[in-house]
C-alpha atoms as a PDB file:
ATOM      1  CA  MET A   1      22.170  22.097  74.828  1.00  0.00           C
ATOM      2  CA  ILE A   2      23.542  18.757  75.895  1.00  0.00           C
ATOM      3  CA  TYR A   3      26.531  16.814  74.600  1.00  0.00           C
ATOM      4  CA  LEU A   4      26.185  13.284  73.167  1.00  0.00           C
ATOM      5  CA  CYS A   5      29.209  10.994  73.125  1.00  0.00           C
ATOM      6  CA  GLY A   6      29.373   7.316  72.274  1.00  0.00           C
ATOM      7  CA  PRO A   7      31.350   4.634  70.482  1.00  0.00           C
ATOM      8  CA  LYS A   8      31.378   6.595  67.210  1.00  0.00           C
ATOM      9  CA  ASN A   9      32.418   9.897  68.818  1.00  0.00           C
ATOM     10  CA  ALA A  10      34.004   8.929  72.129  1.00  0.00           C
ATOM     11  CA  ARG A  11      35.410  11.403  74.619  1.00  0.00           C
ATOM     12  CA  TYR A  12      38.515   9.195  74.689  1.00  0.00           C
ATOM     13  CA  THR A  13      39.329   9.388  70.953  1.00  0.00           C
ATOM     14  CA  TYR A  14      42.659  11.087  70.409  1.00  0.00           C
ATOM     15  CA  THR A  15      42.168  14.469  68.734  1.00  0.00           C
ATOM     16  CA  GLY A  16      45.133  16.357  70.145  1.00  0.00           C
ATOM     17  CA  SER A  17      43.127  17.654  73.110  1.00  0.00           C
ATOM     18  CA  PRO A  18      43.491  16.362  76.674  1.00  0.00           C
ATOM     19  CA  ILE A  19      41.341  13.265  77.226  1.00  0.00           C
ATOM     20  CA  PRO A  20      38.471  13.051  78.121  1.00  0.00           C
ATOM     21  CA  HIS A  21      37.262  15.880  75.924  1.00  0.00           C
ATOM     22  CA  LEU A  22      34.158  17.037  74.056  1.00  0.00           C
ATOM     23  CA  ASP A  23      35.833  17.676  70.691  1.00  0.00           C
ATOM     24  CA  LEU A  24      33.666  15.113  68.888  1.00  0.00           C
ATOM     25  CA  ALA A  25      30.486  15.519  70.953  1.00  0.00           C
ATOM     26  CA  TYR A  26      27.197  15.990  69.119  1.00  0.00           C
ATOM     27  CA  ARG A  27      25.174  18.890  70.555  1.00  0.00           C
ATOM     28  CA  CYS A  28      21.391  18.640  70.803  1.00  0.00           C
ATOM     29  CA  ASP A  29      18.372  19.884  72.725  1.00  0.00           C
ATOM     30  CA  ALA A  30      17.136  16.551  74.137  1.00  0.00           C
ATOM     31  CA  GLN A  31      15.012  16.882  77.264  1.00  0.00           C
ATOM     32  CA  THR A  32      15.162  13.212  78.301  1.00  0.00           C
ATOM     33  CA  LEU A  33      17.532  10.279  78.029  1.00  0.00           C
ATOM     34  CA  ALA A  34      15.110   8.599  75.589  1.00  0.00           C
ATOM     35  CA  LYS A  35      15.270  11.563  73.225  1.00  0.00           C
ATOM     36  CA  ALA A  36      19.071  11.807  73.513  1.00  0.00           C
ATOM     37  CA  LEU A  37      19.480   8.122  72.623  1.00  0.00           C
ATOM     38  CA  SER A  38      17.032   8.503  69.734  1.00  0.00           C
ATOM     39  CA  ILE A  39      19.030  11.439  68.366  1.00  0.00           C
ATOM     40  CA  TYR A  40      22.290   9.491  68.701  1.00  0.00           C
ATOM     41  CA  GLU A  41      20.704   6.585  66.815  1.00  0.00           C
ATOM     42  CA  SER A  42      19.630   8.745  63.891  1.00  0.00           C
ATOM     43  CA  VAL A  43      22.844  10.786  63.651  1.00  0.00           C
ATOM     44  CA  PHE A  44      25.247   7.824  63.917  1.00  0.00           C
ATOM     45  CA  ASN A  45      23.157   5.048  62.270  1.00  0.00           C
ATOM     46  CA  VAL A  46      22.928   2.770  65.299  1.00  0.00           C
ATOM     47  CA  ARG A  47      20.204   1.073  67.368  1.00  0.00           C
ATOM     48  CA  ILE A  48      20.294   1.358  71.150  1.00  0.00           C
ATOM     49  CA  THR A  49      17.850  -0.820  73.077  1.00  0.00           C
ATOM     50  CA  SER A  50      17.424  -1.656  76.734  1.00  0.00           C
ATOM     51  CA  MET A  51      19.062  -4.994  77.473  1.00  0.00           C
ATOM     52  CA  GLN A  52      16.303  -7.367  78.542  1.00  0.00           C
ATOM     53  CA  GLU A  53      18.398 -10.285  79.789  1.00  0.00           C
ATOM     54  CA  PRO A  54      20.837  -9.972  82.682  1.00  0.00           C
ATOM     55  CA  LEU A  55      24.377  -9.547  81.378  1.00  0.00           C
ATOM     56  CA  LEU A  56      26.439 -12.675  82.105  1.00  0.00           C
ATOM     57  CA  GLY A  57      23.393 -14.134  83.868  1.00  0.00           C
ATOM     58  CA  LEU A  58      23.935 -11.914  86.914  1.00  0.00           C
ATOM     59  CA  SER A  59      20.671 -10.676  88.428  1.00  0.00           C
ATOM     60  CA  GLU A  60      22.289  -7.397  89.562  1.00  0.00           C
ATOM     61  CA  ASN A  61      22.688  -6.478  85.873  1.00  0.00           C
ATOM     62  CA  ILE A  62      18.939  -6.484  85.183  1.00  0.00           C
ATOM     63  CA  GLY A  63      17.654  -3.083  84.081  1.00  0.00           C
ATOM     64  CA  LYS A  64      21.104  -1.585  83.806  1.00  0.00           C
ATOM     65  CA  TYR A  65      22.692  -1.874  80.367  1.00  0.00           C
ATOM     66  CA  PHE A  66      21.874  -1.388  76.699  1.00  0.00           C
ATOM     67  CA  ASP A  67      22.474  -3.305  73.491  1.00  0.00           C
ATOM     68  CA  TYR A  68      24.214  -1.157  70.880  1.00  0.00           C
ATOM     69  CA  LEU A  69      23.985  -2.255  67.255  1.00  0.00           C
ATOM     70  CA  ASP A  70      26.077  -0.434  64.648  1.00  0.00           C
ATOM     71  CA  LEU A  71      23.956  -0.549  61.494  1.00  0.00           C
ATOM     72  CA  ASP A  72      26.946   0.309  59.287  1.00  0.00           C
ATOM     73  CA  ASN A  73      28.785  -2.921  60.050  1.00  0.00           C
ATOM     74  CA  ASN A  74      26.205  -4.978  61.995  1.00  0.00           C
ATOM     75  CA  SER A  75      28.432  -5.199  65.088  1.00  0.00           C
ATOM     76  CA  LYS A  76      26.752  -5.472  68.472  1.00  0.00           C
ATOM     77  CA  ILE A  77      28.149  -4.568  71.892  1.00  0.00           C
ATOM     78  CA  ALA A  78      26.824  -4.013  75.406  1.00  0.00           C
ATOM     79  CA  VAL A  79      27.049  -0.404  76.603  1.00  0.00           C
ATOM     80  CA  ASP A  80      26.430   1.549  79.770  1.00  0.00           C
ATOM     81  CA  VAL A  81      24.934   5.048  79.690  1.00  0.00           C
ATOM     82  CA  HIS A  82      26.047   7.728  82.110  1.00  0.00           C
ATOM     83  CA  VAL A  83      25.209  11.394  82.484  1.00  0.00           C
ATOM     84  CA  ILE A  84      27.999  13.689  83.559  1.00  0.00           C
ATOM     85  CA  ARG A  85      26.532  16.729  85.279  1.00  0.00           C
ATOM     86  CA  GLN A  86      28.763  19.431  86.754  1.00  0.00           C
ATOM     87  CA  GLY A  87      31.584  16.904  87.227  1.00  0.00           C
ATOM     88  CA  GLU A  88      29.377  14.252  88.851  1.00  0.00           C
ATOM     89  CA  THR A  89      28.702  10.936  87.083  1.00  0.00           C
ATOM     90  CA  ILE A  90      25.084   9.751  87.281  1.00  0.00           C
ATOM     91  CA  CYS A  91      24.003   6.255  86.236  1.00  0.00           C
ATOM     92  CA  PRO A  92      20.323   6.488  85.235  1.00  0.00           C
ATOM     93  CA  LYS A  93      20.360   2.794  84.244  1.00  0.00           C
ATOM     94  CA  GLN A  94      17.469   2.152  81.836  1.00  0.00           C
ATOM     95  CA  ASN A  95      15.391   5.088  83.076  1.00  0.00           C
ATOM     96  CA  LEU A  96      14.597   6.576  79.678  1.00  0.00           C
ATOM     97  CA  ASP A  97      12.467   9.271  81.348  1.00  0.00           C
ATOM     98  CA  PHE A  98      15.565  10.639  83.104  1.00  0.00           C
ATOM     99  CA  VAL A  99      15.434  14.427  82.681  1.00  0.00           C
ATOM    100  CA  LEU A 100      18.513  16.044  81.192  1.00  0.00           C
ATOM    101  CA  GLN A 101      19.763  19.497  82.111  1.00  0.00           C
ATOM    102  CA  LYS A 102      21.591  22.113  80.081  1.00  0.00           C
ATOM    103  CA  GLU A 103      25.265  21.195  79.553  1.00  0.00           C
ATOM    104  CA  ASP A 104      24.809  17.534  80.616  1.00  0.00           C
ATOM    105  CA  ILE A 105      27.070  15.045  78.870  1.00  0.00           C
ATOM    106  CA  VAL A 106      25.361  11.798  77.859  1.00  0.00           C
ATOM    107  CA  ASP A 107      28.161   9.239  77.579  1.00  0.00           C
ATOM    108  CA  ILE A 108      27.337   5.941  75.880  1.00  0.00           C
ATOM    109  CA  GLY A 109      30.270   3.662  76.485  1.00  0.00           C
ATOM    110  CA  PRO A 110      31.958   0.781  78.264  1.00  0.00           C
ATOM    111  CA  LEU A 111      30.349  -1.033  81.162  1.00  0.00           C
ATOM    112  CA  LEU A 112      31.502   0.940  84.199  1.00  0.00           C
ATOM    113  CA  CYS A 113      29.195   0.061  87.042  1.00  0.00           C
END
């Protein structure tokens, strides 16, 4: 199983455990990044879509980030998606076919790269 973390269940939310942690992570059997994001959307009532326009008009941002819409309060933010695998951080960008492995952490969060 993989771990899903994002704005509604961040690894950096204080729970009494050392940060970052997986206390609030949602566990699922997603095989690809597309499936993991789809599961996160349905569990947490959000929409995550590939950002089509370059963020801040910078061409190097094309194909990199996602729009995250919280359907509970209609707030929208830009997010970056990373996969943490055996301590290594992988940035699959908008490659929704990216294959996930057992125990991967899919982290939907702030723009990091």
